[in-house]
């Protein structure tokens, strides 16, 4: 179910409401009682409800296999450490 954000233009009160897409928008502000609620445009938010949702459900094939194998994804190249030679130090 989507999460919608509303703001009252009279008092500035903001709230988030979980509503069905088919539900009518809120009109009355719960803080001041005015019929001045407006729906805000924001990033989409939703709640995954029920069983069967896993983090691998929305990954691409190679990422899903990597995660299931227990390997960590690293973008940085491997570091190589150089040890000082055991010879005589330069002066």
PDB file of N, CA and C in Angstrom:
ATOM      1  N   UNK A   1       0.836  -1.170   0.000  1.00  0.00           N
ATOM      2  CA  UNK A   1       0.000   0.000   0.000  1.00  0.00           C
ATOM      3  C   UNK A   1       0.886   1.240   0.000  1.00  0.00           C
ATOM      4  N   UNK A   2       0.538   2.247  -0.792  1.00  0.00           N
ATOM      5  CA  UNK A   2       1.358   3.466  -0.857  1.00  0.00           C
ATOM      6  C   UNK A   2       1.267   4.310   0.416  1.00  0.00           C
ATOM      7  N   UNK A   3       2.331   5.035   0.678  1.00  0.00           N
ATOM      8  CA  UNK A   3       2.374   5.981   1.790  1.00  0.00           C
ATOM      9  C   UNK A   3       2.357   7.377   1.176  1.00  0.00           C
ATOM     10  N   UNK A   4       1.331   8.163   1.515  1.00  0.00           N
ATOM     11  CA  UNK A   4       1.184   9.507   0.970  1.00  0.00           C
ATOM     12  C   UNK A   4       1.502  10.541   2.043  1.00  0.00           C
ATOM     13  N   UNK A   5       2.049  11.685   1.587  1.00  0.00           N
ATOM     14  CA  UNK A   5       2.348  12.793   2.487  1.00  0.00           C
ATOM     15  C   UNK A   5       1.357  13.919   2.224  1.00  0.00           C
ATOM     16  N   UNK A   6       0.889  14.542   3.302  1.00  0.00           N
ATOM     17  CA  UNK A   6      -0.056  15.652   3.211  1.00  0.00           C
ATOM     18  C   UNK A   6       0.460  16.822   4.032  1.00  0.00           C
ATOM     19  N   UNK A   7       0.051  18.049   3.634  1.00  0.00           N
ATOM     20  CA  UNK A   7       0.372  19.264   4.388  1.00  0.00           C
ATOM     21  C   UNK A   7      -0.873  20.139   4.430  1.00  0.00           C
ATOM     22  N   UNK A   8      -1.139  20.699   5.580  1.00  0.00           N
ATOM     23  CA  UNK A   8      -2.243  21.643   5.752  1.00  0.00           C
ATOM     24  C   UNK A   8      -1.740  23.028   5.365  1.00  0.00           C
ATOM     25  N   UNK A   9      -2.430  23.676   4.432  1.00  0.00           N
ATOM     26  CA  UNK A   9      -2.006  25.015   4.010  1.00  0.00           C
ATOM     27  C   UNK A   9      -2.385  26.081   5.038  1.00  0.00           C
ATOM     28  N   UNK A  10      -3.292  25.743   5.958  1.00  0.00           N
ATOM     29  CA  UNK A  10      -3.703  26.711   6.992  1.00  0.00           C
ATOM     30  C   UNK A  10      -2.713  26.768   8.150  1.00  0.00           C
ATOM     31  N   UNK A  11      -2.342  25.589   8.698  1.00  0.00           N
ATOM     32  CA  UNK A  11      -1.475  25.585   9.886  1.00  0.00           C
ATOM     33  C   UNK A  11      -0.080  25.011   9.628  1.00  0.00           C
ATOM     34  N   UNK A  12       0.144  24.390   8.466  1.00  0.00           N
ATOM     35  CA  UNK A  12       1.463  23.837   8.142  1.00  0.00           C
ATOM     36  C   UNK A  12       1.704  22.438   8.672  1.00  0.00           C
ATOM     37  N   UNK A  13       0.716  21.822   9.299  1.00  0.00           N
ATOM     38  CA  UNK A  13       0.855  20.458   9.829  1.00  0.00           C
ATOM     39  C   UNK A  13       1.101  19.472   8.687  1.00  0.00           C
ATOM     40  N   UNK A  14       2.105  18.586   8.848  1.00  0.00           N
ATOM     41  CA  UNK A  14       2.415  17.556   7.845  1.00  0.00           C
ATOM     42  C   UNK A  14       2.217  16.180   8.451  1.00  0.00           C
ATOM     43  N   UNK A  15       1.773  15.229   7.627  1.00  0.00           N
ATOM     44  CA  UNK A  15       1.613  13.864   8.091  1.00  0.00           C
ATOM     45  C   UNK A  15       1.741  12.900   6.927  1.00  0.00           C
ATOM     46  N   UNK A  16       2.041  11.632   7.268  1.00  0.00           N
ATOM     47  CA  UNK A  16       2.117  10.545   6.301  1.00  0.00           C
ATOM     48  C   UNK A  16       0.975   9.589   6.589  1.00  0.00           C
ATOM     49  N   UNK A  17       0.308   9.119   5.523  1.00  0.00           N
ATOM     50  CA  UNK A  17      -0.849   8.243   5.667  1.00  0.00           C
ATOM     51  C   UNK A  17      -0.698   7.066   4.714  1.00  0.00           C
ATOM     52  N   UNK A  18      -0.945   5.853   5.224  1.00  0.00           N
ATOM     53  CA  UNK A  18      -0.967   4.666   4.375  1.00  0.00           C
ATOM     54  C   UNK A  18      -2.389   4.534   3.846  1.00  0.00           C
ATOM     55  N   UNK A  19      -2.521   4.623   2.508  1.00  0.00           N
ATOM     56  CA  UNK A  19      -3.830   4.568   1.879  1.00  0.00           C
ATOM     57  C   UNK A  19      -3.795   3.677   0.657  1.00  0.00           C
ATOM     58  N   UNK A  20      -4.949   3.150   0.307  1.00  0.00           N
ATOM     59  CA  UNK A  20      -5.083   2.451  -0.967  1.00  0.00           C
ATOM     60  C   UNK A  20      -5.056   3.486  -2.081  1.00  0.00           C
ATOM     61  N   UNK A  21      -4.668   3.064  -3.269  1.00  0.00           N
ATOM     62  CA  UNK A  21      -4.654   3.967  -4.413  1.00  0.00           C
ATOM     63  C   UNK A  21      -6.074   4.452  -4.700  1.00  0.00           C
ATOM     64  N   UNK A  22      -7.065   3.610  -4.452  1.00  0.00           N
ATOM     65  CA  UNK A  22      -8.459   3.952  -4.733  1.00  0.00           C
ATOM     66  C   UNK A  22      -9.092   4.849  -3.668  1.00  0.00           C
ATOM     67  N   UNK A  23      -8.438   5.045  -2.505  1.00  0.00           N
ATOM     68  CA  UNK A  23      -8.991   5.902  -1.453  1.00  0.00           C
ATOM     69  C   UNK A  23      -8.969   7.367  -1.890  1.00  0.00           C
ATOM     70  N   UNK A  24      -9.957   8.127  -1.430  1.00  0.00           N
ATOM     71  CA  UNK A  24      -9.990   9.559  -1.741  1.00  0.00           C
ATOM     72  C   UNK A  24      -8.969  10.285  -0.868  1.00  0.00           C
ATOM     73  N   UNK A  25      -8.404  11.386  -1.393  1.00  0.00           N
ATOM     74  CA  UNK A  25      -7.404  12.129  -0.622  1.00  0.00           C
ATOM     75  C   UNK A  25      -8.000  12.749   0.642  1.00  0.00           C
ATOM     76  N   UNK A  26      -7.146  12.960   1.644  1.00  0.00           N
ATOM     77  CA  UNK A  26      -7.591  13.612   2.876  1.00  0.00           C
ATOM     78  C   UNK A  26      -7.929  15.074   2.593  1.00  0.00           C
ATOM     79  N   UNK A  27      -8.936  15.589   3.285  1.00  0.00           N
ATOM     80  CA  UNK A  27      -9.325  16.991   3.118  1.00  0.00           C
ATOM     81  C   UNK A  27      -9.230  17.769   4.418  1.00  0.00           C
ATOM     82  N   UNK A  28      -9.571  17.126   5.541  1.00  0.00           N
ATOM     83  CA  UNK A  28      -9.636  17.812   6.835  1.00  0.00           C
ATOM     84  C   UNK A  28      -8.336  17.588   7.610  1.00  0.00           C
ATOM     85  N   UNK A  29      -7.741  18.660   8.091  1.00  0.00           N
ATOM     86  CA  UNK A  29      -6.513  18.590   8.875  1.00  0.00           C
ATOM     87  C   UNK A  29      -6.826  18.070  10.277  1.00  0.00           C
ATOM     88  N   UNK A  30      -6.103  17.044  10.747  1.00  0.00           N
ATOM     89  CA  UNK A  30      -6.352  16.533  12.093  1.00  0.00           C
ATOM     90  C   UNK A  30      -5.878  17.489  13.192  1.00  0.00           C
ATOM     91  N   UNK A  31      -4.999  18.437  12.862  1.00  0.00           N
ATOM     92  CA  UNK A  31      -4.469  19.370  13.865  1.00  0.00           C
ATOM     93  C   UNK A  31      -5.384  20.568  14.082  1.00  0.00           C
ATOM     94  N   UNK A  32      -5.846  21.202  12.994  1.00  0.00           N
ATOM     95  CA  UNK A  32      -6.636  22.432  13.146  1.00  0.00           C
ATOM     96  C   UNK A  32      -8.082  22.286  12.687  1.00  0.00           C
ATOM     97  N   UNK A  33      -8.422  21.202  11.975  1.00  0.00           N
ATOM     98  CA  UNK A  33      -9.790  20.974  11.536  1.00  0.00           C
ATOM     99  C   UNK A  33     -10.179  21.677  10.249  1.00  0.00           C
ATOM    100  N   UNK A  34      -9.270  22.412   9.629  1.00  0.00           N
ATOM    101  CA  UNK A  34      -9.573  23.114   8.379  1.00  0.00           C
ATOM    102  C   UNK A  34      -9.593  22.129   7.213  1.00  0.00           C
ATOM    103  N   UNK A  35     -10.360  22.445   6.187  1.00  0.00           N
ATOM    104  CA  UNK A  35     -10.430  21.589   4.983  1.00  0.00           C
ATOM    105  C   UNK A  35      -9.406  22.071   3.958  1.00  0.00           C
ATOM    106  N   UNK A  36      -8.137  22.111   4.357  1.00  0.00           N
ATOM    107  CA  UNK A  36      -7.087  22.666   3.499  1.00  0.00           C
ATOM    108  C   UNK A  36      -5.916  21.713   3.317  1.00  0.00           C
ATOM    109  N   UNK A  37      -6.126  20.406   3.404  1.00  0.00           N
ATOM    110  CA  UNK A  37      -5.035  19.438   3.230  1.00  0.00           C
ATOM    111  C   UNK A  37      -4.704  19.297   1.751  1.00  0.00           C
ATOM    112  N   UNK A  38      -3.412  19.317   1.435  1.00  0.00           N
ATOM    113  CA  UNK A  38      -2.967  19.081   0.063  1.00  0.00           C
ATOM    114  C   UNK A  38      -1.980  17.931   0.062  1.00  0.00           C
ATOM    115  N   UNK A  39      -2.054  17.111  -0.978  1.00  0.00           N
ATOM    116  CA  UNK A  39      -1.146  15.972  -1.118  1.00  0.00           C
ATOM    117  C   UNK A  39       0.177  16.485  -1.667  1.00  0.00           C
ATOM    118  N   UNK A  40       1.281  16.081  -1.051  1.00  0.00           N
ATOM    119  CA  UNK A  40       2.614  16.504  -1.483  1.00  0.00           C
ATOM    120  C   UNK A  40       3.169  15.532  -2.507  1.00  0.00           C
ATOM    121  N   UNK A  41       3.997  16.027  -3.390  1.00  0.00           N
ATOM    122  CA  UNK A  41       4.695  15.185  -4.349  1.00  0.00           C
ATOM    123  C   UNK A  41       6.026  14.813  -3.712  1.00  0.00           C
ATOM    124  N   UNK A  42       6.269  13.523  -3.555  1.00  0.00           N
ATOM    125  CA  UNK A  42       7.490  13.072  -2.897  1.00  0.00           C
ATOM    126  C   UNK A  42       7.916  11.739  -3.500  1.00  0.00           C
ATOM    127  N   UNK A  43       9.024  11.222  -3.016  1.00  0.00           N
ATOM    128  CA  UNK A  43       9.509   9.928  -3.471  1.00  0.00           C
ATOM    129  C   UNK A  43       8.486   8.858  -3.101  1.00  0.00           C
ATOM    130  N   UNK A  44       8.361   7.883  -3.973  1.00  0.00           N
ATOM    131  CA  UNK A  44       7.376   6.826  -3.725  1.00  0.00           C
ATOM    132  C   UNK A  44       7.776   6.015  -2.501  1.00  0.00           C
ATOM    133  N   UNK A  45       6.815   5.752  -1.662  1.00  0.00           N
ATOM    134  CA  UNK A  45       7.031   4.917  -0.491  1.00  0.00           C
ATOM    135  C   UNK A  45       5.962   3.856  -0.458  1.00  0.00           C
ATOM    136  N   UNK A  46       6.327   2.639  -0.096  1.00  0.00           N
ATOM    137  CA  UNK A  46       5.339   1.580  -0.012  1.00  0.00           C
ATOM    138  C   UNK A  46       5.774   0.568   1.018  1.00  0.00           C
ATOM    139  N   UNK A  47       4.847  -0.228   1.475  1.00  0.00           N
ATOM    140  CA  UNK A  47       5.110  -1.241   2.481  1.00  0.00           C
ATOM    141  C   UNK A  47       4.914  -2.609   1.852  1.00  0.00           C
ATOM    142  N   UNK A  48       5.932  -3.461   1.979  1.00  0.00           N
ATOM    143  CA  UNK A  48       5.811  -4.838   1.520  1.00  0.00           C
ATOM    144  C   UNK A  48       5.138  -5.621   2.635  1.00  0.00           C
ATOM    145  N   UNK A  49       3.946  -6.108   2.377  1.00  0.00           N
ATOM    146  CA  UNK A  49       3.166  -6.752   3.404  1.00  0.00           C
ATOM    147  C   UNK A  49       3.014  -8.227   3.072  1.00  0.00           C
ATOM    148  N   UNK A  50       3.199  -9.088   4.054  1.00  0.00           N
ATOM    149  CA  UNK A  50       3.037 -10.519   3.837  1.00  0.00           C
ATOM    150  C   UNK A  50       4.380 -11.225   3.772  1.00  0.00           C
ATOM    151  N   UNK A  51       4.331 -12.525   3.651  1.00  0.00           N
ATOM    152  CA  UNK A  51       5.560 -13.312   3.618  1.00  0.00           C
ATOM    153  C   UNK A  51       6.099 -13.462   2.206  1.00  0.00           C
ATOM    154  N   UNK A  52       7.299 -13.943   2.110  1.00  0.00           N
ATOM    155  CA  UNK A  52       7.887 -14.243   0.809  1.00  0.00           C
ATOM    156  C   UNK A  52       8.719 -13.140   0.202  1.00  0.00           C
ATOM    157  N   UNK A  53       9.015 -12.065   0.929  1.00  0.00           N
ATOM    158  CA  UNK A  53       9.841 -10.993   0.385  1.00  0.00           C
ATOM    159  C   UNK A  53      11.276 -11.184   0.875  1.00  0.00           C
ATOM    160  N   UNK A  54      12.181 -11.248  -0.066  1.00  0.00           N
ATOM    161  CA  UNK A  54      13.595 -11.438   0.252  1.00  0.00           C
ATOM    162  C   UNK A  54      14.408 -10.360  -0.438  1.00  0.00           C
ATOM    163  N   UNK A  55      15.589 -10.070   0.095  1.00  0.00           N
ATOM    164  CA  UNK A  55      16.424  -9.030  -0.507  1.00  0.00           C
ATOM    165  C   UNK A  55      16.901  -9.410  -1.901  1.00  0.00           C
ATOM    166  N   UNK A  56      16.907 -10.694  -2.238  1.00  0.00           N
ATOM    167  CA  UNK A  56      17.370 -11.118  -3.556  1.00  0.00           C
ATOM    168  C   UNK A  56      16.274 -11.050  -4.609  1.00  0.00           C
ATOM    169  N   UNK A  57      15.048 -10.717  -4.242  1.00  0.00           N
ATOM    170  CA  UNK A  57      13.940 -10.683  -5.198  1.00  0.00           C
ATOM    171  C   UNK A  57      14.119  -9.629  -6.275  1.00  0.00           C
ATOM    172  N   UNK A  58      14.797  -8.533  -5.992  1.00  0.00           N
ATOM    173  CA  UNK A  58      14.880  -7.429  -6.934  1.00  0.00           C
ATOM    174  C   UNK A  58      16.306  -7.182  -7.425  1.00  0.00           C
ATOM    175  N   UNK A  59      17.176  -8.171  -7.304  1.00  0.00           N
ATOM    176  CA  UNK A  59      18.550  -8.018  -7.770  1.00  0.00           C
ATOM    177  C   UNK A  59      18.713  -8.672  -9.135  1.00  0.00           C
ATOM    178  N   UNK A  60      19.749  -8.249  -9.865  1.00  0.00           N
ATOM    179  CA  UNK A  60      20.032  -8.869 -11.156  1.00  0.00           C
ATOM    180  C   UNK A  60      20.653 -10.250 -10.922  1.00  0.00           C
ATOM    181  N   UNK A  61      20.760 -11.024 -11.956  1.00  0.00           N
ATOM    182  CA  UNK A  61      21.215 -12.408 -11.850  1.00  0.00           C
ATOM    183  C   UNK A  61      22.566 -12.587 -11.182  1.00  0.00           C
ATOM    184  N   UNK A  62      23.587 -11.801 -11.590  1.00  0.00           N
ATOM    185  CA  UNK A  62      24.924 -11.980 -11.025  1.00  0.00           C
ATOM    186  C   UNK A  62      24.980 -11.528  -9.566  1.00  0.00           C
ATOM    187  N   UNK A  63      24.272 -10.429  -9.225  1.00  0.00           N
ATOM    188  CA  UNK A  63      24.252  -9.971  -7.835  1.00  0.00           C
ATOM    189  C   UNK A  63      23.532 -10.967  -6.941  1.00  0.00           C
ATOM    190  N   UNK A  64      22.464 -11.568  -7.457  1.00  0.00           N
ATOM    191  CA  UNK A  64      21.697 -12.523  -6.671  1.00  0.00           C
ATOM    192  C   UNK A  64      22.558 -13.745  -6.363  1.00  0.00           C
ATOM    193  N   UNK A  65      23.285 -14.246  -7.375  1.00  0.00           N
ATOM    194  CA  UNK A  65      24.144 -15.420  -7.169  1.00  0.00           C
ATOM    195  C   UNK A  65      25.273 -15.100  -6.197  1.00  0.00           C
ATOM    196  N   UNK A  66      25.848 -13.898  -6.329  1.00  0.00           N
ATOM    197  CA  UNK A  66      26.958 -13.498  -5.461  1.00  0.00           C
ATOM    198  C   UNK A  66      26.477 -13.442  -4.013  1.00  0.00           C
ATOM    199  N   UNK A  67      25.311 -12.877  -3.783  1.00  0.00           N
ATOM    200  CA  UNK A  67      24.789 -12.755  -2.427  1.00  0.00           C
ATOM    201  C   UNK A  67      24.449 -14.122  -1.845  1.00  0.00           C
ATOM    202  N   UNK A  68      23.881 -15.003  -2.631  1.00  0.00           N
ATOM    203  CA  UNK A  68      23.527 -16.321  -2.139  1.00  0.00           C
ATOM    204  C   UNK A  68      24.754 -17.153  -1.810  1.00  0.00           C
ATOM    205  N   UNK A  69      25.865 -16.904  -2.504  1.00  0.00           N
ATOM    206  CA  UNK A  69      27.097 -17.635  -2.246  1.00  0.00           C
ATOM    207  C   UNK A  69      27.820 -17.095  -1.015  1.00  0.00           C
ATOM    208  N   UNK A  70      27.354 -15.946  -0.500  1.00  0.00           N
ATOM    209  CA  UNK A  70      27.956 -15.384   0.708  1.00  0.00           C
ATOM    210  C   UNK A  70      29.171 -14.526   0.436  1.00  0.00           C
ATOM    211  N   UNK A  71      29.385 -14.168  -0.817  1.00  0.00           N
ATOM    212  CA  UNK A  71      30.530 -13.325  -1.148  1.00  0.00           C
ATOM    213  C   UNK A  71      30.126 -11.870  -1.014  1.00  0.00           C
ATOM    214  N   UNK A  72      31.048 -11.057  -0.551  1.00  0.00           N
ATOM    215  CA  UNK A  72      30.782  -9.629  -0.427  1.00  0.00           C
ATOM    216  C   UNK A  72      31.103  -8.948  -1.750  1.00  0.00           C
ATOM    217  N   UNK A  73      30.288  -7.980  -2.132  1.00  0.00           N
ATOM    218  CA  UNK A  73      30.528  -7.242  -3.357  1.00  0.00           C
ATOM    219  C   UNK A  73      31.497  -6.105  -3.058  1.00  0.00           C
ATOM    220  N   UNK A  74      32.606  -6.067  -3.780  1.00  0.00           N
ATOM    221  CA  UNK A  74      33.574  -4.992  -3.597  1.00  0.00           C
ATOM    222  C   UNK A  74      33.838  -4.339  -4.933  1.00  0.00           C
ATOM    223  N   UNK A  75      33.806  -3.009  -4.950  1.00  0.00           N
ATOM    224  CA  UNK A  75      34.077  -2.264  -6.167  1.00  0.00           C
ATOM    225  C   UNK A  75      35.529  -1.804  -6.237  1.00  0.00           C
ATOM    226  N   UNK A  76      36.198  -1.755  -5.096  1.00  0.00           N
ATOM    227  CA  UNK A  76      37.576  -1.277  -5.055  1.00  0.00           C
ATOM    228  C   UNK A  76      38.533  -2.412  -5.420  1.00  0.00           C
ATOM    229  N   UNK A  77      39.603  -2.096  -6.187  1.00  0.00           N
ATOM    230  CA  UNK A  77      40.581  -3.144  -6.490  1.00  0.00           C
ATOM    231  C   UNK A  77      41.333  -3.568  -5.234  1.00  0.00           C
ATOM    232  N   UNK A  78      41.848  -4.763  -5.249  1.00  0.00           N
ATOM    233  CA  UNK A  78      42.571  -5.291  -4.093  1.00  0.00           C
ATOM    234  C   UNK A  78      43.863  -4.517  -3.889  1.00  0.00           C
ATOM    235  N   UNK A  79      44.184  -4.222  -2.642  1.00  0.00           N
ATOM    236  CA  UNK A  79      45.421  -3.506  -2.315  1.00  0.00           C
ATOM    237  C   UNK A  79      46.560  -4.507  -2.207  1.00  0.00           C
ATOM    238  N   UNK A  80      47.722  -4.079  -2.630  1.00  0.00           N
ATOM    239  CA  UNK A  80      48.916  -4.903  -2.436  1.00  0.00           C
ATOM    240  C   UNK A  80      49.865  -4.109  -1.560  1.00  0.00           C
ATOM    241  N   UNK A  81      50.304  -4.719  -0.502  1.00  0.00           N
ATOM    242  CA  UNK A  81      51.224  -4.045   0.402  1.00  0.00           C
ATOM    243  C   UNK A  81      52.649  -4.459   0.056  1.00  0.00           C
ATOM    244  N   UNK A  82      53.543  -3.471   0.028  1.00  0.00           N
ATOM    245  CA  UNK A  82      54.942  -3.789  -0.240  1.00  0.00           C
ATOM    246  C   UNK A  82      55.709  -3.748   1.068  1.00  0.00           C
ATOM    247  N   UNK A  83      56.480  -4.776   1.287  1.00  0.00           N
ATOM    248  CA  UNK A  83      57.284  -4.853   2.507  1.00  0.00           C
ATOM    249  C   UNK A  83      58.701  -4.344   2.187  1.00  0.00           C
ATOM    250  N   UNK A  84      59.326  -3.669   3.118  1.00  0.00           N
ATOM    251  CA  UNK A  84      60.700  -3.225   2.858  1.00  0.00           C
ATOM    252  C   UNK A  84      61.633  -4.433   2.754  1.00  0.00           C
ATOM    253  N   UNK A  85      62.605  -4.285   1.900  1.00  0.00           N
ATOM    254  CA  UNK A  85      63.536  -5.393   1.709  1.00  0.00           C
ATOM    255  C   UNK A  85      64.372  -5.598   2.978  1.00  0.00           C
ATOM    256  N   UNK A  86      64.818  -6.826   3.184  1.00  0.00           N
ATOM    257  CA  UNK A  86      65.562  -7.138   4.400  1.00  0.00           C
ATOM    258  C   UNK A  86      67.055  -6.839   4.262  1.00  0.00           C
ATOM    259  N   UNK A  87      67.447  -6.197   3.180  1.00  0.00           N
ATOM    260  CA  UNK A  87      68.852  -5.849   2.962  1.00  0.00           C
ATOM    261  C   UNK A  87      69.264  -4.687   3.812  1.00  0.00           C
ATOM    262  N   UNK A  88      70.426  -4.140   3.547  1.00  0.00           N
ATOM    263  CA  UNK A  88      70.949  -3.021   4.323  1.00  0.00           C
ATOM    264  C   UNK A  88      70.208  -1.745   3.945  1.00  0.00           C
ATOM    265  N   UNK A  89      69.873  -0.917   4.912  1.00  0.00           N
ATOM    266  CA  UNK A  89      69.141   0.322   4.597  1.00  0.00           C
ATOM    267  C   UNK A  89      70.030   1.303   3.837  1.00  0.00           C
ATOM    268  N   UNK A  90      69.400   2.058   2.971  1.00  0.00           N
ATOM    269  CA  UNK A  90      70.161   3.056   2.198  1.00  0.00           C
ATOM    270  C   UNK A  90      70.391   4.273   3.065  1.00  0.00           C
ATOM    271  N   UNK A  91      71.570   4.879   2.933  1.00  0.00           N
ATOM    272  CA  UNK A  91      71.909   6.036   3.739  1.00  0.00           C
ATOM    273  C   UNK A  91      71.916   7.275   2.933  1.00  0.00           C
TER     274      UNK A  91
END
